[in-house]
Amino acid sequence: MQPRNMSMSGVVDLAAVKQAQEAKAKAEQARAESARNGGTGAVSPADLVIDVDEAGFESDVLQRSTEVPVVIDFWAEWCEPCKQLSPVLERLAVEYNGRFLLAKIDVDANQMLMQQFGVQGIPAVFAVVAGQALPLFQGAAGEAQIRQTLDQLVQVGEERFGLTGLVVDPEAEPGAERPAAPERPAGPHDAALDAAVQAMDAGDLGGAVQAYKNVLAEEPGNTEAKLGLAQAELLQRVQDADPQKARQEAADKPGDARAQIAAADLDLVGGHVEDAFGRLIDTVRVTAGDDRDAVRLRLLELFEVVGAEDPRVGAARRALARALF
């Protein structure tokens, strides 16, 4: 099964963002409903580490990621580094007490999931937050590094997506059924946002751009509309581009702001996030005045498309600051 609500190229999945914006309220409502029914909605510590396969990926990872960050450990029985890393992740999942869920995927039995995540070697650790896939690290890692990565992941889940995590009760029965979250009333701009996503799916990028602008005119802080507009405008810019010609021009004119901006757009749409960022940062270093400002502004726009939670954005922001100052 192809995982839905995922962004494997670094471009934000808008349906996932919309779902994420409702996650906190849904989780809180579920807990309140459970409390009224005499339950706690809590899980056992044993439920913080789960084995996941292709058949259960939708429910065990994608759906759960709207209430808690899900860390995915790709492993195999024959992988010696996995035998060192996996126990650390399992111990930390219990120690973090519901702030993230650990999903273990045996790559030998789930080749399709391995391919969909673009795993080149194991151990490989990803996260899914509100339906969005994020690479965390590959290969062996020290516990201090793992803790730092998990702390950042939890912070992103709380601050950007309002994920409240899981309530853990040591007395809860392992595998106990959790209450389903009640449906939330539709927001005032849901219809317009749905129409914008449908327009993008249909290739009507101009219609999508206008729909998002209409929402932002009434609600300038709408996160989904901001992300949607950035993505729609990016796709609109590259719609009629000749990739081969644009890349050749960029190679021939390394200091030309317009050529590098056009190539960076193509890099990002193709999923080459670090290449896009690096290209523009290098161009900032060799340009000045209006050209430099145009490159800087385009880079900031691409940061919006990828999302502040992506570690590549944080690294590129620091590199940009060094290039500017």
C-alpha atoms as a PDB file:
ATOM      1  CA  MET A   1       0.000   0.000   0.000  1.00  0.00           C
ATOM      2  CA  GLN A   2       1.335   3.439  -0.919  1.00  0.00           C
ATOM      3  CA  PRO A   3       1.385   5.511   2.271  1.00  0.00           C
ATOM      4  CA  ARG A   4      -0.917   8.505   1.922  1.00  0.00           C
ATOM      5  CA  ASN A   5      -0.361  11.942   3.424  1.00  0.00           C
ATOM      6  CA  MET A   6       3.387  11.725   3.033  1.00  0.00           C
ATOM      7  CA  SER A   7       5.953  14.012   1.469  1.00  0.00           C
ATOM      8  CA  MET A   8       8.926  11.983   0.342  1.00  0.00           C
ATOM      9  CA  SER A   9      10.582  14.800  -1.652  1.00  0.00           C
ATOM     10  CA  GLY A  10      10.557  17.416   1.075  1.00  0.00           C
ATOM     11  CA  VAL A  11       7.592  19.340  -0.330  1.00  0.00           C
ATOM     12  CA  VAL A  12       4.915  19.773   2.300  1.00  0.00           C
ATOM     13  CA  ASP A  13       1.862  17.541   2.062  1.00  0.00           C
ATOM     14  CA  LEU A  14      -1.047  19.925   2.462  1.00  0.00           C
ATOM     15  CA  ALA A  15      -3.634  17.349   3.454  1.00  0.00           C
ATOM     16  CA  ALA A  16      -1.316  16.286   6.268  1.00  0.00           C
ATOM     17  CA  VAL A  17      -0.905  19.869   7.459  1.00  0.00           C
ATOM     18  CA  LYS A  18      -4.644  20.335   7.594  1.00  0.00           C
ATOM     19  CA  GLN A  19      -4.991  17.112   9.536  1.00  0.00           C
ATOM     20  CA  ALA A  20      -2.192  18.148  11.878  1.00  0.00           C
ATOM     21  CA  GLN A  21      -3.872  21.423  12.743  1.00  0.00           C
ATOM     22  CA  GLU A  22      -6.769  19.433  14.193  1.00  0.00           C
ATOM     23  CA  ALA A  23      -4.667  16.842  16.017  1.00  0.00           C
ATOM     24  CA  LYS A  24      -4.377  18.565  19.376  1.00  0.00           C
ATOM     25  CA  ALA A  25      -8.087  19.290  19.676  1.00  0.00           C
ATOM     26  CA  LYS A  26      -8.991  15.762  18.584  1.00  0.00           C
ATOM     27  CA  ALA A  27      -6.646  14.179  21.101  1.00  0.00           C
ATOM     28  CA  GLU A  28      -7.930  16.355  23.918  1.00  0.00           C
ATOM     29  CA  GLN A  29     -11.535  15.622  22.985  1.00  0.00           C
ATOM     30  CA  ALA A  30     -10.800  11.895  22.909  1.00  0.00           C
ATOM     31  CA  ARG A  31      -9.320  12.002  26.375  1.00  0.00           C
ATOM     32  CA  ALA A  32     -12.237  14.027  27.711  1.00  0.00           C
ATOM     33  CA  GLU A  33     -14.700  11.542  26.214  1.00  0.00           C
ATOM     34  CA  SER A  34     -12.775   8.626  27.669  1.00  0.00           C
ATOM     35  CA  ALA A  35     -12.727  10.269  31.097  1.00  0.00           C
ATOM     36  CA  ARG A  36     -16.506  10.766  30.964  1.00  0.00           C
ATOM     37  CA  ASN A  37     -16.869   7.068  30.189  1.00  0.00           C
ATOM     38  CA  GLY A  38     -14.717   6.111  33.139  1.00  0.00           C
ATOM     39  CA  GLY A  39     -11.540   5.407  31.187  1.00  0.00           C
ATOM     40  CA  THR A  40      -8.182   7.154  30.910  1.00  0.00           C
ATOM     41  CA  GLY A  41      -7.361   6.703  27.223  1.00  0.00           C
ATOM     42  CA  ALA A  42      -3.918   5.621  28.413  1.00  0.00           C
ATOM     43  CA  VAL A  43      -1.578   3.072  26.898  1.00  0.00           C
ATOM     44  CA  SER A  44       0.782   0.631  28.536  1.00  0.00           C
ATOM     45  CA  PRO A  45       4.558   1.250  28.368  1.00  0.00           C
ATOM     46  CA  ALA A  46       4.681  -1.933  26.276  1.00  0.00           C
ATOM     47  CA  ASP A  47       2.547  -0.217  23.631  1.00  0.00           C
ATOM     48  CA  LEU A  48       5.208   2.465  23.023  1.00  0.00           C
ATOM     49  CA  VAL A  49       7.219   0.052  20.843  1.00  0.00           C
ATOM     50  CA  ILE A  50       5.346  -1.681  18.039  1.00  0.00           C
ATOM     51  CA  ASP A  51       6.168  -3.889  15.071  1.00  0.00           C
ATOM     52  CA  VAL A  52       4.732  -2.516  11.835  1.00  0.00           C
ATOM     53  CA  ASP A  53       4.230  -4.102   8.435  1.00  0.00           C
ATOM     54  CA  GLU A  54       2.886  -2.862   5.108  1.00  0.00           C
ATOM     55  CA  ALA A  55      -0.681  -3.891   5.887  1.00  0.00           C
ATOM     56  CA  GLY A  56      -0.752  -1.962   9.156  1.00  0.00           C
ATOM     57  CA  PHE A  57       1.269   1.081   8.089  1.00  0.00           C
ATOM     58  CA  GLU A  58      -1.772   3.251   7.421  1.00  0.00           C
ATOM     59  CA  SER A  59      -3.320   2.761  10.859  1.00  0.00           C
ATOM     60  CA  ASP A  60      -0.209   2.147  12.954  1.00  0.00           C
ATOM     61  CA  VAL A  61       1.954   4.953  11.585  1.00  0.00           C
ATOM     62  CA  LEU A  62       0.088   7.492   9.466  1.00  0.00           C
ATOM     63  CA  GLN A  63      -3.019   7.738  11.631  1.00  0.00           C
ATOM     64  CA  ARG A  64      -1.099   7.559  14.903  1.00  0.00           C
ATOM     65  CA  SER A  65       1.235  10.342  13.701  1.00  0.00           C
ATOM     66  CA  THR A  66      -1.622  12.833  14.036  1.00  0.00           C
ATOM     67  CA  GLU A  67      -1.472  12.463  17.819  1.00  0.00           C
ATOM     68  CA  VAL A  68       2.163  11.571  18.506  1.00  0.00           C
ATOM     69  CA  PRO A  69       5.424  11.666  16.506  1.00  0.00           C
ATOM     70  CA  VAL A  70       6.179   8.178  15.208  1.00  0.00           C
ATOM     71  CA  VAL A  71       9.864   7.213  14.989  1.00  0.00           C
ATOM     72  CA  ILE A  72      10.533   4.431  12.477  1.00  0.00           C
ATOM     73  CA  ASP A  73      13.439   2.049  12.989  1.00  0.00           C
ATOM     74  CA  PHE A  74      14.279   0.180   9.767  1.00  0.00           C
ATOM     75  CA  TRP A  75      16.182  -2.950  10.800  1.00  0.00           C
ATOM     76  CA  ALA A  76      16.968  -6.563   9.898  1.00  0.00           C
ATOM     77  CA  GLU A  77      17.996  -9.613  11.867  1.00  0.00           C
ATOM     78  CA  TRP A  78      21.333  -9.881  10.032  1.00  0.00           C
ATOM     79  CA  CYS A  79      22.257  -6.212  10.645  1.00  0.00           C
ATOM     80  CA  GLU A  80      24.818  -5.996  13.465  1.00  0.00           C
ATOM     81  CA  PRO A  81      24.616  -2.184  13.924  1.00  0.00           C
ATOM     82  CA  CYS A  82      20.834  -2.581  14.213  1.00  0.00           C
ATOM     83  CA  LYS A  83      21.343  -4.839  17.202  1.00  0.00           C
ATOM     84  CA  GLN A  84      23.158  -1.980  18.937  1.00  0.00           C
ATOM     85  CA  LEU A  85      20.815   0.834  17.915  1.00  0.00           C
ATOM     86  CA  SER A  86      17.398  -0.797  18.331  1.00  0.00           C
ATOM     87  CA  PRO A  87      17.671  -1.476  22.078  1.00  0.00           C
ATOM     88  CA  VAL A  88      18.657   2.154  22.664  1.00  0.00           C
ATOM     89  CA  LEU A  89      15.616   3.405  20.748  1.00  0.00           C
ATOM     90  CA  GLU A  90      13.349   0.987  22.594  1.00  0.00           C
ATOM     91  CA  ARG A  91      14.666   2.121  25.975  1.00  0.00           C
ATOM     92  CA  LEU A  92      14.297   5.793  25.062  1.00  0.00           C
ATOM     93  CA  ALA A  93      10.733   5.236  23.821  1.00  0.00           C
ATOM     94  CA  VAL A  94       9.794   4.093  27.315  1.00  0.00           C
ATOM     95  CA  GLU A  95      11.864   6.806  28.993  1.00  0.00           C
ATOM     96  CA  TYR A  96      10.213   9.567  26.933  1.00  0.00           C
ATOM     97  CA  ASN A  97       6.917   8.327  28.351  1.00  0.00           C
ATOM     98  CA  GLY A  98       4.609   8.746  25.375  1.00  0.00           C
ATOM     99  CA  ARG A  99       6.196  11.771  23.715  1.00  0.00           C
ATOM    100  CA  PHE A 100       6.972   9.572  20.714  1.00  0.00           C
ATOM    101  CA  LEU A 101       5.993   6.114  19.473  1.00  0.00           C
ATOM    102  CA  LEU A 102       8.621   3.713  18.119  1.00  0.00           C
ATOM    103  CA  ALA A 103       7.615   1.660  15.071  1.00  0.00           C
ATOM    104  CA  LYS A 104       9.997  -1.142  14.087  1.00  0.00           C
ATOM    105  CA  ILE A 105       9.988  -2.249  10.433  1.00  0.00           C
ATOM    106  CA  ASP A 106      11.833  -5.394   9.342  1.00  0.00           C
ATOM    107  CA  VAL A 107      13.133  -4.497   5.871  1.00  0.00           C
ATOM    108  CA  ASP A 108      13.393  -8.128   4.755  1.00  0.00           C
ATOM    109  CA  ALA A 109       9.641  -8.571   5.250  1.00  0.00           C
ATOM    110  CA  ASN A 110       8.634  -5.069   4.096  1.00  0.00           C
ATOM    111  CA  GLN A 111      10.654  -4.234   1.006  1.00  0.00           C
ATOM    112  CA  MET A 112       7.988  -1.905  -0.372  1.00  0.00           C
ATOM    113  CA  LEU A 113       8.111   0.375   2.674  1.00  0.00           C
ATOM    114  CA  MET A 114      11.891   0.417   2.491  1.00  0.00           C
ATOM    115  CA  GLN A 115      11.712   1.561  -1.136  1.00  0.00           C
ATOM    116  CA  GLN A 116       9.040   4.162  -0.484  1.00  0.00           C
ATOM    117  CA  PHE A 117      11.171   5.801   2.175  1.00  0.00           C
ATOM    118  CA  GLY A 118      14.244   5.664  -0.055  1.00  0.00           C
ATOM    119  CA  VAL A 119      16.247   3.677   2.500  1.00  0.00           C
ATOM    120  CA  GLN A 120      19.714   3.014   1.087  1.00  0.00           C
ATOM    121  CA  GLY A 121      21.141   1.142   4.053  1.00  0.00           C
ATOM    122  CA  ILE A 122      20.294   0.092   7.587  1.00  0.00           C
ATOM    123  CA  PRO A 123      19.921   0.945  10.338  1.00  0.00           C
ATOM    124  CA  ALA A 124      17.934   3.931   9.121  1.00  0.00           C
ATOM    125  CA  VAL A 125      15.692   6.033  11.322  1.00  0.00           C
ATOM    126  CA  PHE A 126      12.859   8.224  10.077  1.00  0.00           C
ATOM    127  CA  ALA A 127       9.977  10.019  11.731  1.00  0.00           C
ATOM    128  CA  VAL A 128       6.422  10.623  10.597  1.00  0.00           C
ATOM    129  CA  VAL A 129       4.832  13.727  12.104  1.00  0.00           C
ATOM    130  CA  ALA A 130       1.253  14.541  11.162  1.00  0.00           C
ATOM    131  CA  GLY A 131       1.624  12.362   8.078  1.00  0.00           C
ATOM    132  CA  GLN A 132       4.895  13.908   6.937  1.00  0.00           C
ATOM    133  CA  ALA A 133       8.015  11.758   6.611  1.00  0.00           C
ATOM    134  CA  LEU A 134      11.254  13.207   7.939  1.00  0.00           C
ATOM    135  CA  PRO A 135      14.713  11.598   7.748  1.00  0.00           C
ATOM    136  CA  LEU A 136      16.422  11.548  11.152  1.00  0.00           C
ATOM    137  CA  PHE A 137      19.699   9.639  10.757  1.00  0.00           C
ATOM    138  CA  GLN A 138      21.246   6.587   9.141  1.00  0.00           C
ATOM    139  CA  GLY A 139      23.793   4.208  10.596  1.00  0.00           C
ATOM    140  CA  ALA A 140      25.050   3.953  14.138  1.00  0.00           C
ATOM    141  CA  ALA A 141      24.583   7.013  16.343  1.00  0.00           C
ATOM    142  CA  GLY A 142      25.570   7.857  19.874  1.00  0.00           C
ATOM    143  CA  GLU A 143      22.910   8.157  22.542  1.00  0.00           C
ATOM    144  CA  ALA A 144      23.608  11.865  23.053  1.00  0.00           C
ATOM    145  CA  GLN A 145      22.972  12.520  19.349  1.00  0.00           C
ATOM    146  CA  ILE A 146      19.827  10.385  19.418  1.00  0.00           C
ATOM    147  CA  ARG A 147      18.477  12.260  22.435  1.00  0.00           C
ATOM    148  CA  GLN A 148      19.136  15.612  20.797  1.00  0.00           C
ATOM    149  CA  THR A 149      17.330  14.494  17.635  1.00  0.00           C
ATOM    150  CA  LEU A 150      14.368  13.155  19.628  1.00  0.00           C
ATOM    151  CA  ASP A 151      14.129  16.351  21.675  1.00  0.00           C
ATOM    152  CA  GLN A 152      13.950  18.392  18.471  1.00  0.00           C
ATOM    153  CA  LEU A 153      11.351  16.036  17.022  1.00  0.00           C
ATOM    154  CA  VAL A 154       9.148  16.253  20.115  1.00  0.00           C
ATOM    155  CA  GLN A 155       9.458  20.042  20.133  1.00  0.00           C
ATOM    156  CA  VAL A 156       8.425  20.266  16.487  1.00  0.00           C
ATOM    157  CA  GLY A 157       5.453  17.993  17.135  1.00  0.00           C
ATOM    158  CA  GLU A 158       4.273  20.123  20.032  1.00  0.00           C
ATOM    159  CA  GLU A 159       4.968  23.620  18.691  1.00  0.00           C
ATOM    160  CA  ARG A 160       4.157  23.250  15.003  1.00  0.00           C
ATOM    161  CA  PHE A 161       1.486  20.565  15.011  1.00  0.00           C
ATOM    162  CA  GLY A 162       0.078  20.612  18.529  1.00  0.00           C
ATOM    163  CA  LEU A 163       0.735  16.908  19.056  1.00  0.00           C
ATOM    164  CA  THR A 164       0.051  16.095  22.685  1.00  0.00           C
ATOM    165  CA  GLY A 165       1.557  12.610  22.702  1.00  0.00           C
ATOM    166  CA  LEU A 166       0.231   9.553  24.475  1.00  0.00           C
ATOM    167  CA  VAL A 167      -0.883   9.174  28.077  1.00  0.00           C
ATOM    168  CA  VAL A 168       1.052   6.280  29.608  1.00  0.00           C
ATOM    169  CA  ASP A 169      -0.286   4.278  32.531  1.00  0.00           C
ATOM    170  CA  PRO A 170       1.950   1.514  33.966  1.00  0.00           C
ATOM    171  CA  GLU A 171      -1.228  -0.252  35.140  1.00  0.00           C
ATOM    172  CA  ALA A 172      -2.875  -0.238  31.691  1.00  0.00           C
ATOM    173  CA  GLU A 173      -3.309  -3.529  29.878  1.00  0.00           C
ATOM    174  CA  PRO A 174      -0.967  -3.854  26.874  1.00  0.00           C
ATOM    175  CA  GLY A 175      -2.848  -3.603  23.598  1.00  0.00           C
ATOM    176  CA  ALA A 176      -5.977  -2.100  25.146  1.00  0.00           C
ATOM    177  CA  GLU A 177      -8.188  -0.376  22.610  1.00  0.00           C
ATOM    178  CA  ARG A 178      -7.954   3.405  22.677  1.00  0.00           C
ATOM    179  CA  PRO A 179     -11.028   5.606  22.170  1.00  0.00           C
ATOM    180  CA  ALA A 180     -11.501   7.070  18.730  1.00  0.00           C
ATOM    181  CA  ALA A 181     -11.275  10.822  18.442  1.00  0.00           C
ATOM    182  CA  PRO A 182     -14.573  12.514  17.674  1.00  0.00           C
ATOM    183  CA  GLU A 183     -14.951  14.496  14.511  1.00  0.00           C
ATOM    184  CA  ARG A 184     -14.242  18.177  14.711  1.00  0.00           C
ATOM    185  CA  PRO A 185     -16.541  20.780  13.120  1.00  0.00           C
ATOM    186  CA  ALA A 186     -15.323  22.139   9.814  1.00  0.00           C
ATOM    187  CA  GLY A 187     -13.415  25.412   9.950  1.00  0.00           C
ATOM    188  CA  PRO A 188     -14.536  28.570   8.136  1.00  0.00           C
ATOM    189  CA  HIS A 189     -12.043  28.116   5.282  1.00  0.00           C
ATOM    190  CA  ASP A 190     -12.119  24.326   4.937  1.00  0.00           C
ATOM    191  CA  ALA A 191     -14.124  24.383   1.726  1.00  0.00           C
ATOM    192  CA  ALA A 192     -11.782  26.911   0.095  1.00  0.00           C
ATOM    193  CA  LEU A 193      -8.708  24.968   1.196  1.00  0.00           C
ATOM    194  CA  ASP A 194     -10.170  21.697  -0.089  1.00  0.00           C
ATOM    195  CA  ALA A 195     -10.885  23.406  -3.412  1.00  0.00           C
ATOM    196  CA  ALA A 196      -7.295  24.639  -3.595  1.00  0.00           C
ATOM    197  CA  VAL A 197      -5.900  21.148  -3.003  1.00  0.00           C
ATOM    198  CA  GLN A 198      -8.266  19.726  -5.628  1.00  0.00           C
ATOM    199  CA  ALA A 199      -7.141  22.412  -8.086  1.00  0.00           C
ATOM    200  CA  MET A 200      -3.511  21.442  -7.513  1.00  0.00           C
ATOM    201  CA  ASP A 201      -4.303  17.768  -7.990  1.00  0.00           C
ATOM    202  CA  ALA A 202      -6.033  18.660 -11.275  1.00  0.00           C
ATOM    203  CA  GLY A 203      -3.045  20.733 -12.459  1.00  0.00           C
ATOM    204  CA  ASP A 204      -4.892  24.054 -12.178  1.00  0.00           C
ATOM    205  CA  LEU A 205      -2.032  25.828 -10.416  1.00  0.00           C
ATOM    206  CA  GLY A 206      -3.358  29.302 -11.165  1.00  0.00           C
ATOM    207  CA  GLY A 207      -6.666  28.410  -9.538  1.00  0.00           C
ATOM    208  CA  ALA A 208      -4.878  26.955  -6.529  1.00  0.00           C
ATOM    209  CA  VAL A 209      -2.726  30.070  -6.109  1.00  0.00           C
ATOM    210  CA  GLN A 210      -5.781  32.313  -6.201  1.00  0.00           C
ATOM    211  CA  ALA A 211      -7.713  30.111  -3.766  1.00  0.00           C
ATOM    212  CA  TYR A 212      -4.904  30.213  -1.227  1.00  0.00           C
ATOM    213  CA  LYS A 213      -4.548  33.974  -1.643  1.00  0.00           C
ATOM    214  CA  ASN A 214      -8.263  34.367  -1.009  1.00  0.00           C
ATOM    215  CA  VAL A 215      -7.961  32.471   2.284  1.00  0.00           C
ATOM    216  CA  LEU A 216      -4.921  34.513   3.336  1.00  0.00           C
ATOM    217  CA  ALA A 217      -6.729  37.744   2.549  1.00  0.00           C
ATOM    218  CA  GLU A 218      -9.242  36.859   5.268  1.00  0.00           C
ATOM    219  CA  GLU A 219      -6.906  34.971   7.597  1.00  0.00           C
ATOM    220  CA  PRO A 220      -3.258  36.014   7.059  1.00  0.00           C
ATOM    221  CA  GLY A 221      -1.970  33.547   9.646  1.00  0.00           C
ATOM    222  CA  ASN A 222      -3.551  30.405   8.156  1.00  0.00           C
ATOM    223  CA  THR A 223      -0.679  27.886   8.135  1.00  0.00           C
ATOM    224  CA  GLU A 224      -2.122  25.566   5.526  1.00  0.00           C
ATOM    225  CA  ALA A 225      -2.800  28.415   3.115  1.00  0.00           C
ATOM    226  CA  LYS A 226       0.726  29.793   3.530  1.00  0.00           C
ATOM    227  CA  LEU A 227       2.304  26.423   2.841  1.00  0.00           C
ATOM    228  CA  GLY A 228      -0.099  25.713   0.006  1.00  0.00           C
ATOM    229  CA  LEU A 229       0.583  29.032  -1.676  1.00  0.00           C
ATOM    230  CA  ALA A 230       4.350  28.522  -1.460  1.00  0.00           C
ATOM    231  CA  GLN A 231       4.062  25.069  -2.997  1.00  0.00           C
ATOM    232  CA  ALA A 232       1.601  26.108  -5.715  1.00  0.00           C
ATOM    233  CA  GLU A 233       3.737  29.084  -6.737  1.00  0.00           C
ATOM    234  CA  LEU A 234       6.821  26.859  -6.907  1.00  0.00           C
ATOM    235  CA  LEU A 235       5.069  24.351  -9.153  1.00  0.00           C
ATOM    236  CA  GLN A 236       3.699  27.187 -11.266  1.00  0.00           C
ATOM    237  CA  ARG A 237       7.194  28.604 -11.802  1.00  0.00           C
ATOM    238  CA  VAL A 238       8.603  25.306 -13.100  1.00  0.00           C
ATOM    239  CA  GLN A 239       5.522  24.233 -15.050  1.00  0.00           C
ATOM    240  CA  ASP A 240       6.806  25.411 -18.435  1.00  0.00           C
ATOM    241  CA  ALA A 241      10.531  25.205 -17.731  1.00  0.00           C
ATOM    242  CA  ASP A 242      12.963  23.257 -19.889  1.00  0.00           C
ATOM    243  CA  PRO A 243      14.990  21.433 -17.212  1.00  0.00           C
ATOM    244  CA  GLN A 244      17.919  20.586 -19.462  1.00  0.00           C
ATOM    245  CA  LYS A 245      18.236  24.137 -20.734  1.00  0.00           C
ATOM    246  CA  ALA A 246      17.837  25.647 -17.260  1.00  0.00           C
ATOM    247  CA  ARG A 247      20.493  23.397 -15.740  1.00  0.00           C
ATOM    248  CA  GLN A 248      22.925  24.050 -18.590  1.00  0.00           C
ATOM    249  CA  GLU A 249      22.454  27.797 -18.204  1.00  0.00           C
ATOM    250  CA  ALA A 250      23.080  27.523 -14.482  1.00  0.00           C
ATOM    251  CA  ALA A 251      26.252  25.502 -15.117  1.00  0.00           C
ATOM    252  CA  ASP A 252      27.486  28.057 -17.669  1.00  0.00           C
ATOM    253  CA  LYS A 253      26.684  31.086 -15.450  1.00  0.00           C
ATOM    254  CA  PRO A 254      27.516  30.233 -11.830  1.00  0.00           C
ATOM    255  CA  GLY A 255      27.198  33.867 -10.754  1.00  0.00           C
ATOM    256  CA  ASP A 256      23.927  34.601 -12.558  1.00  0.00           C
ATOM    257  CA  ALA A 257      21.173  35.016  -9.960  1.00  0.00           C
ATOM    258  CA  ARG A 258      18.288  34.382 -12.350  1.00  0.00           C
ATOM    259  CA  ALA A 259      19.823  31.173 -13.731  1.00  0.00           C
ATOM    260  CA  GLN A 260      20.635  29.796 -10.276  1.00  0.00           C
ATOM    261  CA  ILE A 261      17.163  30.617  -8.923  1.00  0.00           C
ATOM    262  CA  ALA A 262      15.523  28.782 -11.830  1.00  0.00           C
ATOM    263  CA  ALA A 263      17.754  25.748 -11.334  1.00  0.00           C
ATOM    264  CA  ALA A 264      17.121  25.730  -7.573  1.00  0.00           C
ATOM    265  CA  ASP A 265      13.375  25.597  -8.164  1.00  0.00           C
ATOM    266  CA  LEU A 266      13.877  22.528 -10.348  1.00  0.00           C
ATOM    267  CA  ASP A 267      16.174  20.969  -7.756  1.00  0.00           C
ATOM    268  CA  LEU A 268      13.520  21.292  -5.061  1.00  0.00           C
ATOM    269  CA  VAL A 269      10.656  19.988  -7.189  1.00  0.00           C
ATOM    270  CA  GLY A 270      12.844  17.001  -8.049  1.00  0.00           C
ATOM    271  CA  GLY A 271      13.356  16.274  -4.358  1.00  0.00           C
ATOM    272  CA  HIS A 272      16.985  17.489  -4.246  1.00  0.00           C
ATOM    273  CA  VAL A 273      16.442  19.727  -1.254  1.00  0.00           C
ATOM    274  CA  GLU A 274      20.065  20.121  -0.149  1.00  0.00           C
ATOM    275  CA  ASP A 275      21.177  20.808  -3.721  1.00  0.00           C
ATOM    276  CA  ALA A 276      18.603  23.586  -4.046  1.00  0.00           C
ATOM    277  CA  PHE A 277      19.620  25.179  -0.761  1.00  0.00           C
ATOM    278  CA  GLY A 278      23.359  24.816  -1.433  1.00  0.00           C
ATOM    279  CA  ARG A 279      23.039  26.308  -4.907  1.00  0.00           C
ATOM    280  CA  LEU A 280      21.369  29.458  -3.624  1.00  0.00           C
ATOM    281  CA  ILE A 281      23.685  29.855  -0.626  1.00  0.00           C
ATOM    282  CA  ASP A 282      26.684  29.613  -2.965  1.00  0.00           C
ATOM    283  CA  THR A 283      25.074  32.253  -5.190  1.00  0.00           C
ATOM    284  CA  VAL A 284      24.527  34.571  -2.216  1.00  0.00           C
ATOM    285  CA  ARG A 285      28.288  34.436  -1.615  1.00  0.00           C
ATOM    286  CA  VAL A 286      29.155  35.639  -5.150  1.00  0.00           C
ATOM    287  CA  THR A 287      26.415  38.218  -5.762  1.00  0.00           C
ATOM    288  CA  ALA A 288      25.581  41.649  -4.390  1.00  0.00           C
ATOM    289  CA  GLY A 289      22.830  44.239  -4.351  1.00  0.00           C
ATOM    290  CA  ASP A 290      19.473  43.398  -5.891  1.00  0.00           C
ATOM    291  CA  ASP A 291      20.707  40.064  -7.278  1.00  0.00           C
ATOM    292  CA  ARG A 292      21.835  38.914  -3.863  1.00  0.00           C
ATOM    293  CA  ASP A 293      18.580  40.001  -2.290  1.00  0.00           C
ATOM    294  CA  ALA A 294      16.554  38.159  -4.940  1.00  0.00           C
ATOM    295  CA  VAL A 295      18.479  34.944  -4.250  1.00  0.00           C
ATOM    296  CA  ARG A 296      18.067  35.341  -0.499  1.00  0.00           C
ATOM    297  CA  LEU A 297      14.323  35.885  -0.794  1.00  0.00           C
ATOM    298  CA  ARG A 298      13.871  32.863  -3.058  1.00  0.00           C
ATOM    299  CA  LEU A 299      15.794  30.744  -0.560  1.00  0.00           C
ATOM    300  CA  LEU A 300      13.472  31.891   2.222  1.00  0.00           C
ATOM    301  CA  GLU A 301      10.487  30.947   0.045  1.00  0.00           C
ATOM    302  CA  LEU A 302      11.918  27.463  -0.466  1.00  0.00           C
ATOM    303  CA  PHE A 303      12.373  27.146   3.303  1.00  0.00           C
ATOM    304  CA  GLU A 304       8.627  27.742   3.612  1.00  0.00           C
ATOM    305  CA  VAL A 305       7.884  25.020   1.073  1.00  0.00           C
ATOM    306  CA  VAL A 306      10.005  22.416   2.852  1.00  0.00           C
ATOM    307  CA  GLY A 307       8.918  23.393   6.370  1.00  0.00           C
ATOM    308  CA  ALA A 308      10.799  24.694   9.399  1.00  0.00           C
ATOM    309  CA  GLU A 309      10.762  21.265  11.083  1.00  0.00           C
ATOM    310  CA  ASP A 310      13.020  19.733   8.420  1.00  0.00           C
ATOM    311  CA  PRO A 311      16.613  19.575   9.748  1.00  0.00           C
ATOM    312  CA  ARG A 312      17.918  20.565   6.314  1.00  0.00           C
ATOM    313  CA  VAL A 313      16.180  23.918   6.690  1.00  0.00           C
ATOM    314  CA  GLY A 314      17.882  24.601  10.015  1.00  0.00           C
ATOM    315  CA  ALA A 315      21.293  23.744   8.562  1.00  0.00           C
ATOM    316  CA  ALA A 316      20.675  25.924   5.504  1.00  0.00           C
ATOM    317  CA  ARG A 317      19.544  28.877   7.647  1.00  0.00           C
ATOM    318  CA  ARG A 318      22.828  28.731   9.544  1.00  0.00           C
ATOM    319  CA  ALA A 319      24.797  28.501   6.293  1.00  0.00           C
ATOM    320  CA  LEU A 320      22.865  31.464   4.880  1.00  0.00           C
ATOM    321  CA  ALA A 321      23.662  33.543   7.952  1.00  0.00           C
ATOM    322  CA  ARG A 322      27.365  32.772   7.534  1.00  0.00           C
ATOM    323  CA  ALA A 323      27.201  33.684   3.846  1.00  0.00           C
ATOM    324  CA  LEU A 324      25.466  36.981   4.577  1.00  0.00           C
ATOM    325  CA  PHE A 325      27.515  38.091   7.563  1.00  0.00           C
END
